[in-house]
Protein backbone atom coordinates (compact mmCIF):
# COMPACT_ATOMS: atom_id res chain seq x y z
CA UNK A 1 0.00 0.00 0.00
CA UNK A 2 1.37 3.39 -0.94
CA UNK A 3 1.38 6.49 1.23
CA UNK A 4 -1.66 8.74 1.10
CA UNK A 5 -1.28 12.50 0.73
CA UNK A 6 -1.84 14.49 3.90
CA UNK A 7 -4.28 17.40 3.89
CA UNK A 8 -4.15 19.86 6.79
CA UNK A 9 -7.38 21.56 7.78
CA UNK A 10 -7.16 25.27 8.56
CA UNK A 11 -7.34 24.62 12.31
CA UNK A 12 -4.52 22.06 12.10
CA UNK A 13 -2.32 24.55 10.25
CA UNK A 14 -3.12 27.20 12.84
CA UNK A 15 -2.26 24.75 15.65
CA UNK A 16 1.09 24.02 14.00
CA UNK A 17 1.87 27.70 13.48
CA UNK A 18 1.09 28.46 17.14
CA UNK A 19 3.30 25.59 18.35
CA UNK A 20 6.20 26.78 16.19
CA UNK A 21 5.77 30.36 17.40
CA UNK A 22 5.76 29.09 21.00
CA UNK A 23 8.98 27.11 20.54
CA UNK A 24 10.68 30.01 18.75
CA UNK A 25 9.73 32.45 21.53
CA UNK A 26 10.43 30.17 24.49
CA UNK A 27 13.25 27.90 23.38
CA UNK A 28 14.77 29.19 20.15
CA UNK A 29 15.14 28.17 16.56
CA UNK A 30 16.86 24.83 17.16
CA UNK A 31 13.97 23.43 19.20
CA UNK A 32 11.38 24.86 16.79
CA UNK A 33 13.16 23.08 13.93
CA UNK A 34 13.26 19.85 15.95
CA UNK A 35 9.50 20.14 16.47
CA UNK A 36 8.95 20.62 12.73
CA UNK A 37 11.12 17.57 12.03
CA UNK A 38 9.19 15.45 14.55
CA UNK A 39 5.87 16.62 13.11
CA UNK A 40 6.97 15.82 9.55
CA UNK A 41 8.05 12.32 10.64
CA UNK A 42 4.69 11.81 12.35
CA UNK A 43 2.79 12.94 9.26
CA UNK A 44 4.90 10.64 7.07
CA UNK A 45 4.27 7.71 9.45
CA UNK A 46 0.50 8.16 9.47
CA UNK A 47 0.52 8.71 5.71
CA UNK A 48 2.16 5.31 5.29
CA UNK A 49 0.30 3.54 8.13
CA UNK A 50 -2.96 5.37 8.91
CA UNK A 51 -4.25 2.54 11.05
CA UNK A 52 -1.32 2.96 13.47
CA UNK A 53 -3.01 5.85 15.29
CA UNK A 54 -5.14 5.36 18.37
CA UNK A 55 -8.95 5.55 17.99
CA UNK A 56 -9.40 6.45 21.67
CA UNK A 57 -11.01 9.85 21.10
CA UNK A 58 -13.19 8.56 18.26
CA UNK A 59 -15.20 6.68 20.85
CA UNK A 60 -15.17 9.46 23.43
CA UNK A 61 -16.18 12.16 20.92
CA UNK A 62 -18.40 9.93 18.77
CA UNK A 63 -16.41 10.78 15.62
CA UNK A 64 -16.09 7.56 13.59
CA UNK A 65 -12.67 7.10 12.01
CA UNK A 66 -10.89 9.72 14.12
CA UNK A 67 -7.40 8.67 15.18
CA UNK A 68 -4.41 10.36 16.75
CA UNK A 69 -0.68 9.85 16.78
CA UNK A 70 1.92 11.35 19.12
CA UNK A 71 4.77 13.46 17.75
CA UNK A 72 7.29 11.53 19.82
CA UNK A 73 9.36 13.61 22.22
CA UNK A 74 7.11 16.64 21.78
CA UNK A 75 3.82 16.73 23.70
CA UNK A 76 1.63 17.19 20.62
CA UNK A 77 -0.99 14.86 19.18
CA UNK A 78 -1.97 14.79 15.51
CA UNK A 79 -5.70 14.11 15.04
CA UNK A 80 -6.73 12.75 11.66
CA UNK A 81 -9.16 10.61 9.72
CA UNK A 82 -8.31 8.35 6.83
CA UNK A 83 -10.25 9.05 3.65
CA UNK A 84 -10.30 7.08 0.40
CA UNK A 85 -7.61 9.20 -1.24
CA UNK A 86 -5.99 11.19 1.59
CA UNK A 87 -5.37 11.69 5.27
CA UNK A 88 -7.50 14.50 6.67
CA UNK A 89 -5.61 16.15 9.56
CA UNK A 90 -8.10 17.92 11.84
CA UNK A 91 -5.97 19.29 14.70
CA UNK A 92 -2.46 19.22 16.18
CA UNK A 93 -3.01 19.72 19.91
CA UNK A 94 -0.81 19.82 23.00
CA UNK A 95 -1.44 16.65 24.99
CA UNK A 96 -2.00 18.59 28.24
CA UNK A 97 -5.06 20.35 26.81
CA UNK A 98 -8.61 19.22 27.41
CA UNK A 99 -8.71 17.30 24.14
CA UNK A 100 -12.50 16.72 24.00
CA UNK A 101 -13.17 20.42 24.67
CA UNK A 102 -10.67 21.55 22.01
CA UNK A 103 -12.02 19.10 19.45
CA UNK A 104 -15.58 20.31 20.07
CA UNK A 105 -14.62 24.03 20.11
CA UNK A 106 -16.27 26.20 17.47
CA UNK A 107 -14.05 27.25 14.59
CA UNK A 108 -13.62 30.77 16.00
CA UNK A 109 -11.83 29.46 19.14
PDB file of N, CA and C in Angstrom:
ATOM      1  N   UNK A   1       0.846  -1.186   0.000  1.00  0.00           N
ATOM      2  CA  UNK A   1       0.000   0.000   0.000  1.00  0.00           C
ATOM      3  C   UNK A   1       0.888   1.245   0.000  1.00  0.00           C
ATOM      4  N   UNK A   2       0.559   2.181  -0.857  1.00  0.00           N
ATOM      5  CA  UNK A   2       1.368   3.395  -0.939  1.00  0.00           C
ATOM      6  C   UNK A   2       0.863   4.457   0.031  1.00  0.00           C
ATOM      7  N   UNK A   3       1.724   5.415   0.305  1.00  0.00           N
ATOM      8  CA  UNK A   3       1.384   6.492   1.235  1.00  0.00           C
ATOM      9  C   UNK A   3       0.280   7.365   0.646  1.00  0.00           C
ATOM     10  N   UNK A   4      -0.591   7.833   1.518  1.00  0.00           N
ATOM     11  CA  UNK A   4      -1.665   8.736   1.102  1.00  0.00           C
ATOM     12  C   UNK A   4      -1.203  10.169   1.341  1.00  0.00           C
ATOM     13  N   UNK A   5      -1.617  11.095   0.478  1.00  0.00           N
ATOM     14  CA  UNK A   5      -1.282  12.497   0.730  1.00  0.00           C
ATOM     15  C   UNK A   5      -1.972  12.995   1.998  1.00  0.00           C
ATOM     16  N   UNK A   6      -1.322  13.925   2.663  1.00  0.00           N
ATOM     17  CA  UNK A   6      -1.836  14.495   3.903  1.00  0.00           C
ATOM     18  C   UNK A   6      -2.409  15.878   3.593  1.00  0.00           C
ATOM     19  N   UNK A   7      -3.639  16.104   4.034  1.00  0.00           N
ATOM     20  CA  UNK A   7      -4.280  17.403   3.887  1.00  0.00           C
ATOM     21  C   UNK A   7      -4.513  17.989   5.269  1.00  0.00           C
ATOM     22  N   UNK A   8      -3.980  19.184   5.510  1.00  0.00           N
ATOM     23  CA  UNK A   8      -4.152  19.857   6.793  1.00  0.00           C
ATOM     24  C   UNK A   8      -5.366  20.769   6.735  1.00  0.00           C
ATOM     25  N   UNK A   9      -6.281  20.611   7.665  1.00  0.00           N
ATOM     26  CA  UNK A   9      -7.382  21.564   7.780  1.00  0.00           C
ATOM     27  C   UNK A   9      -6.828  22.886   8.293  1.00  0.00           C
ATOM     28  N   UNK A  10      -7.591  23.939   8.127  1.00  0.00           N
ATOM     29  CA  UNK A  10      -7.156  25.271   8.557  1.00  0.00           C
ATOM     30  C   UNK A  10      -6.806  25.292  10.047  1.00  0.00           C
ATOM     31  N   UNK A  11      -7.624  24.640  10.868  1.00  0.00           N
ATOM     32  CA  UNK A  11      -7.340  24.615  12.313  1.00  0.00           C
ATOM     33  C   UNK A  11      -6.041  23.876  12.611  1.00  0.00           C
ATOM     34  N   UNK A  12      -5.766  22.800  11.894  1.00  0.00           N
ATOM     35  CA  UNK A  12      -4.520  22.060  12.100  1.00  0.00           C
ATOM     36  C   UNK A  12      -3.322  22.940  11.749  1.00  0.00           C
ATOM     37  N   UNK A  13      -3.419  23.660  10.641  1.00  0.00           N
ATOM     38  CA  UNK A  13      -2.319  24.547  10.252  1.00  0.00           C
ATOM     39  C   UNK A  13      -2.129  25.650  11.291  1.00  0.00           C
ATOM     40  N   UNK A  14      -3.219  26.167  11.808  1.00  0.00           N
ATOM     41  CA  UNK A  14      -3.121  27.198  12.844  1.00  0.00           C
ATOM     42  C   UNK A  14      -2.483  26.621  14.114  1.00  0.00           C
ATOM     43  N   UNK A  15      -2.874  25.410  14.487  1.00  0.00           N
ATOM     44  CA  UNK A  15      -2.264  24.755  15.652  1.00  0.00           C
ATOM     45  C   UNK A  15      -0.758  24.623  15.477  1.00  0.00           C
ATOM     46  N   UNK A  16      -0.335  24.207  14.296  1.00  0.00           N
ATOM     47  CA  UNK A  16       1.092  24.024  14.003  1.00  0.00           C
ATOM     48  C   UNK A  16       1.824  25.360  14.074  1.00  0.00           C
ATOM     49  N   UNK A  17       1.247  26.377  13.449  1.00  0.00           N
ATOM     50  CA  UNK A  17       1.870  27.702  13.479  1.00  0.00           C
ATOM     51  C   UNK A  17       2.034  28.214  14.904  1.00  0.00           C
ATOM     52  N   UNK A  18       1.018  28.013  15.741  1.00  0.00           N
ATOM     53  CA  UNK A  18       1.088  28.459  17.138  1.00  0.00           C
ATOM     54  C   UNK A  18       2.155  27.693  17.906  1.00  0.00           C
ATOM     55  N   UNK A  19       2.273  26.393  17.663  1.00  0.00           N
ATOM     56  CA  UNK A  19       3.296  25.594  18.350  1.00  0.00           C
ATOM     57  C   UNK A  19       4.693  26.060  17.948  1.00  0.00           C
ATOM     58  N   UNK A  20       4.896  26.306  16.665  1.00  0.00           N
ATOM     59  CA  UNK A  20       6.201  26.776  16.189  1.00  0.00           C
ATOM     60  C   UNK A  20       6.524  28.138  16.795  1.00  0.00           C
ATOM     61  N   UNK A  21       5.564  29.037  16.796  1.00  0.00           N
ATOM     62  CA  UNK A  21       5.772  30.359  17.404  1.00  0.00           C
ATOM     63  C   UNK A  21       6.140  30.227  18.880  1.00  0.00           C
ATOM     64  N   UNK A  22       5.466  29.317  19.575  1.00  0.00           N
ATOM     65  CA  UNK A  22       5.759  29.088  20.995  1.00  0.00           C
ATOM     66  C   UNK A  22       7.207  28.622  21.173  1.00  0.00           C
ATOM     67  N   UNK A  23       7.622  27.617  20.402  1.00  0.00           N
ATOM     68  CA  UNK A  23       8.984  27.112  20.537  1.00  0.00           C
ATOM     69  C   UNK A  23      10.014  28.169  20.156  1.00  0.00           C
ATOM     70  N   UNK A  24       9.744  28.947  19.126  1.00  0.00           N
ATOM     71  CA  UNK A  24      10.675  30.014  18.752  1.00  0.00           C
ATOM     72  C   UNK A  24      10.832  31.030  19.879  1.00  0.00           C
ATOM     73  N   UNK A  25       9.706  31.428  20.482  1.00  0.00           N
ATOM     74  CA  UNK A  25       9.730  32.454  21.534  1.00  0.00           C
ATOM     75  C   UNK A  25      10.326  31.938  22.834  1.00  0.00           C
ATOM     76  N   UNK A  26      10.036  30.696  23.183  1.00  0.00           N
ATOM     77  CA  UNK A  26      10.427  30.172  24.489  1.00  0.00           C
ATOM     78  C   UNK A  26      11.743  29.391  24.495  1.00  0.00           C
ATOM     79  N   UNK A  27      12.099  28.788  23.362  1.00  0.00           N
ATOM     80  CA  UNK A  27      13.253  27.899  23.380  1.00  0.00           C
ATOM     81  C   UNK A  27      14.234  28.118  22.235  1.00  0.00           C
ATOM     82  N   UNK A  28      13.852  28.887  21.245  1.00  0.00           N
ATOM     83  CA  UNK A  28      14.772  29.186  20.151  1.00  0.00           C
ATOM     84  C   UNK A  28      14.545  28.363  18.902  1.00  0.00           C
ATOM     85  N   UNK A  29      15.306  28.749  17.890  1.00  0.00           N
ATOM     86  CA  UNK A  29      15.143  28.170  16.563  1.00  0.00           C
ATOM     87  C   UNK A  29      15.450  26.670  16.516  1.00  0.00           C
ATOM     88  N   UNK A  30      16.471  26.236  17.225  1.00  0.00           N
ATOM     89  CA  UNK A  30      16.856  24.826  17.161  1.00  0.00           C
ATOM     90  C   UNK A  30      15.720  23.913  17.616  1.00  0.00           C
ATOM     91  N   UNK A  31      15.062  24.262  18.720  1.00  0.00           N
ATOM     92  CA  UNK A  31      13.971  23.426  19.199  1.00  0.00           C
ATOM     93  C   UNK A  31      12.752  23.526  18.280  1.00  0.00           C
ATOM     94  N   UNK A  32      12.489  24.703  17.745  1.00  0.00           N
ATOM     95  CA  UNK A  32      11.384  24.863  16.793  1.00  0.00           C
ATOM     96  C   UNK A  32      11.613  23.973  15.567  1.00  0.00           C
ATOM     97  N   UNK A  33      12.846  23.932  15.080  1.00  0.00           N
ATOM     98  CA  UNK A  33      13.164  23.077  13.931  1.00  0.00           C
ATOM     99  C   UNK A  33      13.050  21.601  14.287  1.00  0.00           C
ATOM    100  N   UNK A  34      13.415  21.241  15.505  1.00  0.00           N
ATOM    101  CA  UNK A  34      13.259  19.853  15.954  1.00  0.00           C
ATOM    102  C   UNK A  34      11.785  19.464  16.006  1.00  0.00           C
ATOM    103  N   UNK A  35      10.941  20.396  16.452  1.00  0.00           N
ATOM    104  CA  UNK A  35       9.497  20.141  16.471  1.00  0.00           C
ATOM    105  C   UNK A  35       8.980  19.918  15.047  1.00  0.00           C
ATOM    106  N   UNK A  36       9.390  20.774  14.125  1.00  0.00           N
ATOM    107  CA  UNK A  36       8.952  20.622  12.732  1.00  0.00           C
ATOM    108  C   UNK A  36       9.382  19.268  12.186  1.00  0.00           C
ATOM    109  N   UNK A  37      10.622  18.866  12.481  1.00  0.00           N
ATOM    110  CA  UNK A  37      11.123  17.570  12.025  1.00  0.00           C
ATOM    111  C   UNK A  37      10.294  16.427  12.607  1.00  0.00           C
ATOM    112  N   UNK A  38       9.998  16.494  13.909  1.00  0.00           N
ATOM    113  CA  UNK A  38       9.191  15.450  14.551  1.00  0.00           C
ATOM    114  C   UNK A  38       7.780  15.409  13.962  1.00  0.00           C
ATOM    115  N   UNK A  39       7.208  16.561  13.700  1.00  0.00           N
ATOM    116  CA  UNK A  39       5.875  16.620  13.108  1.00  0.00           C
ATOM    117  C   UNK A  39       5.876  16.028  11.702  1.00  0.00           C
ATOM    118  N   UNK A  40       6.874  16.369  10.904  1.00  0.00           N
ATOM    119  CA  UNK A  40       6.974  15.822   9.549  1.00  0.00           C
ATOM    120  C   UNK A  40       7.114  14.303   9.581  1.00  0.00           C
ATOM    121  N   UNK A  41       7.904  13.770  10.506  1.00  0.00           N
ATOM    122  CA  UNK A  41       8.050  12.318  10.638  1.00  0.00           C
ATOM    123  C   UNK A  41       6.724  11.678  11.029  1.00  0.00           C
ATOM    124  N   UNK A  42       5.998  12.330  11.924  1.00  0.00           N
ATOM    125  CA  UNK A  42       4.695  11.808  12.347  1.00  0.00           C
ATOM    126  C   UNK A  42       3.723  11.794  11.171  1.00  0.00           C
ATOM    127  N   UNK A  43       3.688  12.871  10.417  1.00  0.00           N
ATOM    128  CA  UNK A  43       2.795  12.940   9.255  1.00  0.00           C
ATOM    129  C   UNK A  43       3.169  11.890   8.213  1.00  0.00           C
ATOM    130  N   UNK A  44       4.450  11.679   8.012  1.00  0.00           N
ATOM    131  CA  UNK A  44       4.902  10.643   7.074  1.00  0.00           C
ATOM    132  C   UNK A  44       4.482   9.252   7.566  1.00  0.00           C
ATOM    133  N   UNK A  45       4.630   9.016   8.876  1.00  0.00           N
ATOM    134  CA  UNK A  45       4.274   7.715   9.450  1.00  0.00           C
ATOM    135  C   UNK A  45       2.777   7.432   9.281  1.00  0.00           C
ATOM    136  N   UNK A  46       1.934   8.416   9.595  1.00  0.00           N
ATOM    137  CA  UNK A  46       0.496   8.163   9.468  1.00  0.00           C
ATOM    138  C   UNK A  46       0.070   8.116   8.004  1.00  0.00           C
ATOM    139  N   UNK A  47       0.796   8.784   7.141  1.00  0.00           N
ATOM    140  CA  UNK A  47       0.517   8.709   5.713  1.00  0.00           C
ATOM    141  C   UNK A  47       0.757   7.291   5.193  1.00  0.00           C
ATOM    142  N   UNK A  48       1.798   6.660   5.717  1.00  0.00           N
ATOM    143  CA  UNK A  48       2.161   5.309   5.292  1.00  0.00           C
ATOM    144  C   UNK A  48       1.383   4.229   6.041  1.00  0.00           C
ATOM    145  N   UNK A  49       1.005   4.519   7.294  1.00  0.00           N
ATOM    146  CA  UNK A  49       0.298   3.536   8.125  1.00  0.00           C
ATOM    147  C   UNK A  49      -0.817   4.221   8.908  1.00  0.00           C
ATOM    148  N   UNK A  50      -1.894   4.623   8.241  1.00  0.00           N
ATOM    149  CA  UNK A  50      -2.960   5.374   8.907  1.00  0.00           C
ATOM    150  C   UNK A  50      -3.602   4.625  10.081  1.00  0.00           C
ATOM    151  N   UNK A  51      -3.628   3.321   9.991  1.00  0.00           N
ATOM    152  CA  UNK A  51      -4.255   2.535  11.055  1.00  0.00           C
ATOM    153  C   UNK A  51      -3.418   2.474  12.329  1.00  0.00           C
ATOM    154  N   UNK A  52      -2.204   3.016  12.298  1.00  0.00           N
ATOM    155  CA  UNK A  52      -1.322   2.959  13.470  1.00  0.00           C
ATOM    156  C   UNK A  52      -1.751   3.911  14.582  1.00  0.00           C
ATOM    157  N   UNK A  53      -2.569   4.899  14.276  1.00  0.00           N
ATOM    158  CA  UNK A  53      -3.008   5.852  15.290  1.00  0.00           C
ATOM    159  C   UNK A  53      -4.066   5.263  16.208  1.00  0.00           C
ATOM    160  N   UNK A  54      -4.163   5.822  17.384  1.00  0.00           N
ATOM    161  CA  UNK A  54      -5.137   5.358  18.370  1.00  0.00           C
ATOM    162  C   UNK A  54      -6.530   5.922  18.076  1.00  0.00           C
ATOM    163  N   UNK A  55      -7.571   5.075  18.179  1.00  0.00           N
ATOM    164  CA  UNK A  55      -8.945   5.547  17.988  1.00  0.00           C
ATOM    165  C   UNK A  55      -9.608   6.002  19.287  1.00  0.00           C
ATOM    166  N   UNK A  56      -8.844   6.155  20.353  1.00  0.00           N
ATOM    167  CA  UNK A  56      -9.404   6.448  21.673  1.00  0.00           C
ATOM    168  C   UNK A  56     -10.434   7.579  21.655  1.00  0.00           C
ATOM    169  N   UNK A  57     -10.101   8.710  21.077  1.00  0.00           N
ATOM    170  CA  UNK A  57     -11.011   9.855  21.101  1.00  0.00           C
ATOM    171  C   UNK A  57     -12.183   9.701  20.135  1.00  0.00           C
ATOM    172  N   UNK A  58     -12.063   8.814  19.164  1.00  0.00           N
ATOM    173  CA  UNK A  58     -13.192   8.555  18.259  1.00  0.00           C
ATOM    174  C   UNK A  58     -14.381   8.071  19.061  1.00  0.00           C
ATOM    175  N   UNK A  59     -14.130   7.206  20.010  1.00  0.00           N
ATOM    176  CA  UNK A  59     -15.196   6.676  20.854  1.00  0.00           C
ATOM    177  C   UNK A  59     -15.714   7.748  21.803  1.00  0.00           C
ATOM    178  N   UNK A  60     -14.791   8.445  22.444  1.00  0.00           N
ATOM    179  CA  UNK A  60     -15.171   9.463  23.431  1.00  0.00           C
ATOM    180  C   UNK A  60     -15.944  10.623  22.798  1.00  0.00           C
ATOM    181  N   UNK A  61     -15.553  11.021  21.586  1.00  0.00           N
ATOM    182  CA  UNK A  61     -16.175  12.162  20.920  1.00  0.00           C
ATOM    183  C   UNK A  61     -17.263  11.755  19.928  1.00  0.00           C
ATOM    184  N   UNK A  62     -17.435  10.463  19.732  1.00  0.00           N
ATOM    185  CA  UNK A  62     -18.397   9.932  18.770  1.00  0.00           C
ATOM    186  C   UNK A  62     -18.120  10.484  17.359  1.00  0.00           C
ATOM    187  N   UNK A  63     -16.845  10.377  16.962  1.00  0.00           N
ATOM    188  CA  UNK A  63     -16.414  10.780  15.618  1.00  0.00           C
ATOM    189  C   UNK A  63     -15.796   9.543  14.962  1.00  0.00           C
ATOM    190  N   UNK A  64     -16.600   8.786  14.218  1.00  0.00           N
ATOM    191  CA  UNK A  64     -16.089   7.564  13.589  1.00  0.00           C
ATOM    192  C   UNK A  64     -14.874   7.844  12.704  1.00  0.00           C
ATOM    193  N   UNK A  65     -13.861   6.999  12.845  1.00  0.00           N
ATOM    194  CA  UNK A  65     -12.671   7.102  12.014  1.00  0.00           C
ATOM    195  C   UNK A  65     -11.598   8.045  12.528  1.00  0.00           C
ATOM    196  N   UNK A  66     -11.888   8.815  13.582  1.00  0.00           N
ATOM    197  CA  UNK A  66     -10.888   9.724  14.124  1.00  0.00           C
ATOM    198  C   UNK A  66      -9.792   8.928  14.825  1.00  0.00           C
ATOM    199  N   UNK A  67      -8.558   9.281  14.538  1.00  0.00           N
ATOM    200  CA  UNK A  67      -7.399   8.666  15.180  1.00  0.00           C
ATOM    201  C   UNK A  67      -6.423   9.764  15.575  1.00  0.00           C
ATOM    202  N   UNK A  68      -5.483   9.411  16.440  1.00  0.00           N
ATOM    203  CA  UNK A  68      -4.410  10.357  16.749  1.00  0.00           C
ATOM    204  C   UNK A  68      -3.102   9.624  16.887  1.00  0.00           C
ATOM    205  N   UNK A  69      -2.035  10.376  16.670  1.00  0.00           N
ATOM    206  CA  UNK A  69      -0.677   9.855  16.777  1.00  0.00           C
ATOM    207  C   UNK A  69       0.165  10.900  17.496  1.00  0.00           C
ATOM    208  N   UNK A  70       1.003  10.461  18.392  1.00  0.00           N
ATOM    209  CA  UNK A  70       1.918  11.347  19.119  1.00  0.00           C
ATOM    210  C   UNK A  70       3.059  11.787  18.216  1.00  0.00           C
ATOM    211  N   UNK A  71       3.608  12.965  18.505  1.00  0.00           N
ATOM    212  CA  UNK A  71       4.767  13.463  17.754  1.00  0.00           C
ATOM    213  C   UNK A  71       6.087  13.036  18.389  1.00  0.00           C
ATOM    214  N   UNK A  72       6.052  12.039  19.221  1.00  0.00           N
ATOM    215  CA  UNK A  72       7.289  11.531  19.816  1.00  0.00           C
ATOM    216  C   UNK A  72       7.689  12.316  21.047  1.00  0.00           C
ATOM    217  N   UNK A  73       8.858  12.925  21.022  1.00  0.00           N
ATOM    218  CA  UNK A  73       9.364  13.609  22.222  1.00  0.00           C
ATOM    219  C   UNK A  73       8.662  14.931  22.501  1.00  0.00           C
ATOM    220  N   UNK A  74       7.875  15.410  21.574  1.00  0.00           N
ATOM    221  CA  UNK A  74       7.112  16.641  21.783  1.00  0.00           C
ATOM    222  C   UNK A  74       5.699  16.283  22.231  1.00  0.00           C
ATOM    223  N   UNK A  75       5.123  17.079  23.125  1.00  0.00           N
ATOM    224  CA  UNK A  75       3.818  16.725  23.700  1.00  0.00           C
ATOM    225  C   UNK A  75       2.629  17.144  22.823  1.00  0.00           C
ATOM    226  N   UNK A  76       2.708  16.845  21.541  1.00  0.00           N
ATOM    227  CA  UNK A  76       1.628  17.186  20.619  1.00  0.00           C
ATOM    228  C   UNK A  76       1.046  15.926  20.003  1.00  0.00           C
ATOM    229  N   UNK A  77      -0.254  15.968  19.777  1.00  0.00           N
ATOM    230  CA  UNK A  77      -0.987  14.862  19.184  1.00  0.00           C
ATOM    231  C   UNK A  77      -1.584  15.323  17.863  1.00  0.00           C
ATOM    232  N   UNK A  78      -1.424  14.502  16.833  1.00  0.00           N
ATOM    233  CA  UNK A  78      -1.971  14.791  15.508  1.00  0.00           C
ATOM    234  C   UNK A  78      -3.278  14.004  15.368  1.00  0.00           C
ATOM    235  N   UNK A  79      -4.377  14.726  15.186  1.00  0.00           N
ATOM    236  CA  UNK A  79      -5.696  14.108  15.042  1.00  0.00           C
ATOM    237  C   UNK A  79      -6.067  14.079  13.568  1.00  0.00           C
ATOM    238  N   UNK A  80      -6.468  12.908  13.087  1.00  0.00           N
ATOM    239  CA  UNK A  80      -6.729  12.745  11.662  1.00  0.00           C
ATOM    240  C   UNK A  80      -7.771  11.662  11.408  1.00  0.00           C
ATOM    241  N   UNK A  81      -8.267  11.657  10.181  1.00  0.00           N
ATOM    242  CA  UNK A  81      -9.164  10.612   9.724  1.00  0.00           C
ATOM    243  C   UNK A  81      -8.685  10.164   8.348  1.00  0.00           C
ATOM    244  N   UNK A  82      -8.703   8.876   8.131  1.00  0.00           N
ATOM    245  CA  UNK A  82      -8.310   8.348   6.826  1.00  0.00           C
ATOM    246  C   UNK A  82      -9.497   8.435   5.875  1.00  0.00           C
ATOM    247  N   UNK A  83      -9.258   8.983   4.718  1.00  0.00           N
ATOM    248  CA  UNK A  83     -10.254   9.054   3.649  1.00  0.00           C
ATOM    249  C   UNK A  83      -9.809   8.129   2.519  1.00  0.00           C
ATOM    250  N   UNK A  84     -10.638   7.976   1.517  1.00  0.00           N
ATOM    251  CA  UNK A  84     -10.296   7.077   0.399  1.00  0.00           C
ATOM    252  C   UNK A  84      -8.987   7.466  -0.271  1.00  0.00           C
ATOM    253  N   UNK A  85      -8.772   8.759  -0.468  1.00  0.00           N
ATOM    254  CA  UNK A  85      -7.614   9.199  -1.244  1.00  0.00           C
ATOM    255  C   UNK A  85      -6.606  10.031  -0.460  1.00  0.00           C
ATOM    256  N   UNK A  86      -6.882  10.310   0.820  1.00  0.00           N
ATOM    257  CA  UNK A  86      -5.993  11.189   1.587  1.00  0.00           C
ATOM    258  C   UNK A  86      -6.135  10.959   3.083  1.00  0.00           C
ATOM    259  N   UNK A  87      -5.243  11.610   3.826  1.00  0.00           N
ATOM    260  CA  UNK A  87      -5.367  11.687   5.275  1.00  0.00           C
ATOM    261  C   UNK A  87      -5.787  13.105   5.620  1.00  0.00           C
ATOM    262  N   UNK A  88      -6.898  13.211   6.307  1.00  0.00           N
ATOM    263  CA  UNK A  88      -7.496  14.495   6.669  1.00  0.00           C
ATOM    264  C   UNK A  88      -7.071  14.836   8.096  1.00  0.00           C
ATOM    265  N   UNK A  89      -6.121  15.771   8.241  1.00  0.00           N
ATOM    266  CA  UNK A  89      -5.608  16.148   9.560  1.00  0.00           C
ATOM    267  C   UNK A  89      -6.476  17.270  10.114  1.00  0.00           C
ATOM    268  N   UNK A  90      -7.157  16.985  11.221  1.00  0.00           N
ATOM    269  CA  UNK A  90      -8.104  17.917  11.839  1.00  0.00           C
ATOM    270  C   UNK A  90      -7.428  18.926  12.742  1.00  0.00           C
ATOM    271  N   UNK A  91      -6.594  18.425  13.679  1.00  0.00           N
ATOM    272  CA  UNK A  91      -5.966  19.288  14.695  1.00  0.00           C
ATOM    273  C   UNK A  91      -4.595  18.739  15.038  1.00  0.00           C
ATOM    274  N   UNK A  92      -3.744  19.606  15.604  1.00  0.00           N
ATOM    275  CA  UNK A  92      -2.463  19.223  16.184  1.00  0.00           C
ATOM    276  C   UNK A  92      -2.444  19.912  17.541  1.00  0.00           C
ATOM    277  N   UNK A  93      -2.768  19.141  18.594  1.00  0.00           N
ATOM    278  CA  UNK A  93      -3.007  19.719  19.913  1.00  0.00           C
ATOM    279  C   UNK A  93      -1.985  19.263  20.944  1.00  0.00           C
ATOM    280  N   UNK A  94      -1.671  20.160  21.865  1.00  0.00           N
ATOM    281  CA  UNK A  94      -0.809  19.823  22.997  1.00  0.00           C
ATOM    282  C   UNK A  94      -1.534  18.784  23.849  1.00  0.00           C
ATOM    283  N   UNK A  95      -0.832  17.762  24.256  1.00  0.00           N
ATOM    284  CA  UNK A  95      -1.435  16.648  24.986  1.00  0.00           C
ATOM    285  C   UNK A  95      -1.994  17.047  26.349  1.00  0.00           C
ATOM    286  N   UNK A  96      -1.518  18.165  26.918  1.00  0.00           N
ATOM    287  CA  UNK A  96      -1.999  18.592  28.237  1.00  0.00           C
ATOM    288  C   UNK A  96      -3.330  19.340  28.153  1.00  0.00           C
ATOM    289  N   UNK A  97      -3.781  19.646  26.965  1.00  0.00           N
ATOM    290  CA  UNK A  97      -5.056  20.348  26.812  1.00  0.00           C
ATOM    291  C   UNK A  97      -6.221  19.403  27.069  1.00  0.00           C
ATOM    292  N   UNK A  98      -7.373  19.991  27.295  1.00  0.00           N
ATOM    293  CA  UNK A  98      -8.605  19.217  27.415  1.00  0.00           C
ATOM    294  C   UNK A  98      -9.006  18.843  25.985  1.00  0.00           C
ATOM    295  N   UNK A  99      -8.538  17.704  25.545  1.00  0.00           N
ATOM    296  CA  UNK A  99      -8.709  17.305  24.144  1.00  0.00           C
ATOM    297  C   UNK A  99     -10.177  17.310  23.708  1.00  0.00           C
ATOM    298  N   UNK A 100     -11.094  16.687  24.448  1.00  0.00           N
ATOM    299  CA  UNK A 100     -12.497  16.722  24.004  1.00  0.00           C
ATOM    300  C   UNK A 100     -13.028  18.145  23.851  1.00  0.00           C
ATOM    301  N   UNK A 101     -12.686  19.047  24.763  1.00  0.00           N
ATOM    302  CA  UNK A 101     -13.168  20.420  24.666  1.00  0.00           C
ATOM    303  C   UNK A 101     -12.585  21.115  23.442  1.00  0.00           C
ATOM    304  N   UNK A 102     -11.305  20.915  23.166  1.00  0.00           N
ATOM    305  CA  UNK A 102     -10.671  21.554  22.012  1.00  0.00           C
ATOM    306  C   UNK A 102     -11.199  20.977  20.704  1.00  0.00           C
ATOM    307  N   UNK A 103     -11.496  19.688  20.683  1.00  0.00           N
ATOM    308  CA  UNK A 103     -12.022  19.098  19.453  1.00  0.00           C
ATOM    309  C   UNK A 103     -13.458  19.545  19.183  1.00  0.00           C
ATOM    310  N   UNK A 104     -14.196  19.862  20.230  1.00  0.00           N
ATOM    311  CA  UNK A 104     -15.582  20.310  20.073  1.00  0.00           C
ATOM    312  C   UNK A 104     -15.694  21.828  19.911  1.00  0.00           C
ATOM    313  N   UNK A 105     -14.594  22.550  20.136  1.00  0.00           N
ATOM    314  CA  UNK A 105     -14.623  24.029  20.106  1.00  0.00           C
ATOM    315  C   UNK A 105     -15.071  24.530  18.747  1.00  0.00           C
ATOM    316  N   UNK A 106     -15.875  25.587  18.743  1.00  0.00           N
ATOM    317  CA  UNK A 106     -16.266  26.201  17.474  1.00  0.00           C
ATOM    318  C   UNK A 106     -15.042  26.705  16.723  1.00  0.00           C
ATOM    319  N   UNK A 107     -15.164  26.855  15.448  1.00  0.00           N
ATOM    320  CA  UNK A 107     -14.050  27.246  14.587  1.00  0.00           C
ATOM    321  C   UNK A 107     -13.424  28.568  15.035  1.00  0.00           C
ATOM    322  N   UNK A 108     -14.169  29.481  15.584  1.00  0.00           N
ATOM    323  CA  UNK A 108     -13.621  30.769  16.003  1.00  0.00           C
ATOM    324  C   UNK A 108     -12.734  30.708  17.206  1.00  0.00           C
ATOM    325  N   UNK A 109     -12.643  29.577  17.918  1.00  0.00           N
ATOM    326  CA  UNK A 109     -11.830  29.457  19.138  1.00  0.00           C
ATOM    327  C   UNK A 109     -10.446  28.966  18.858  1.00  0.00           C
TER     328      UNK A 109
END
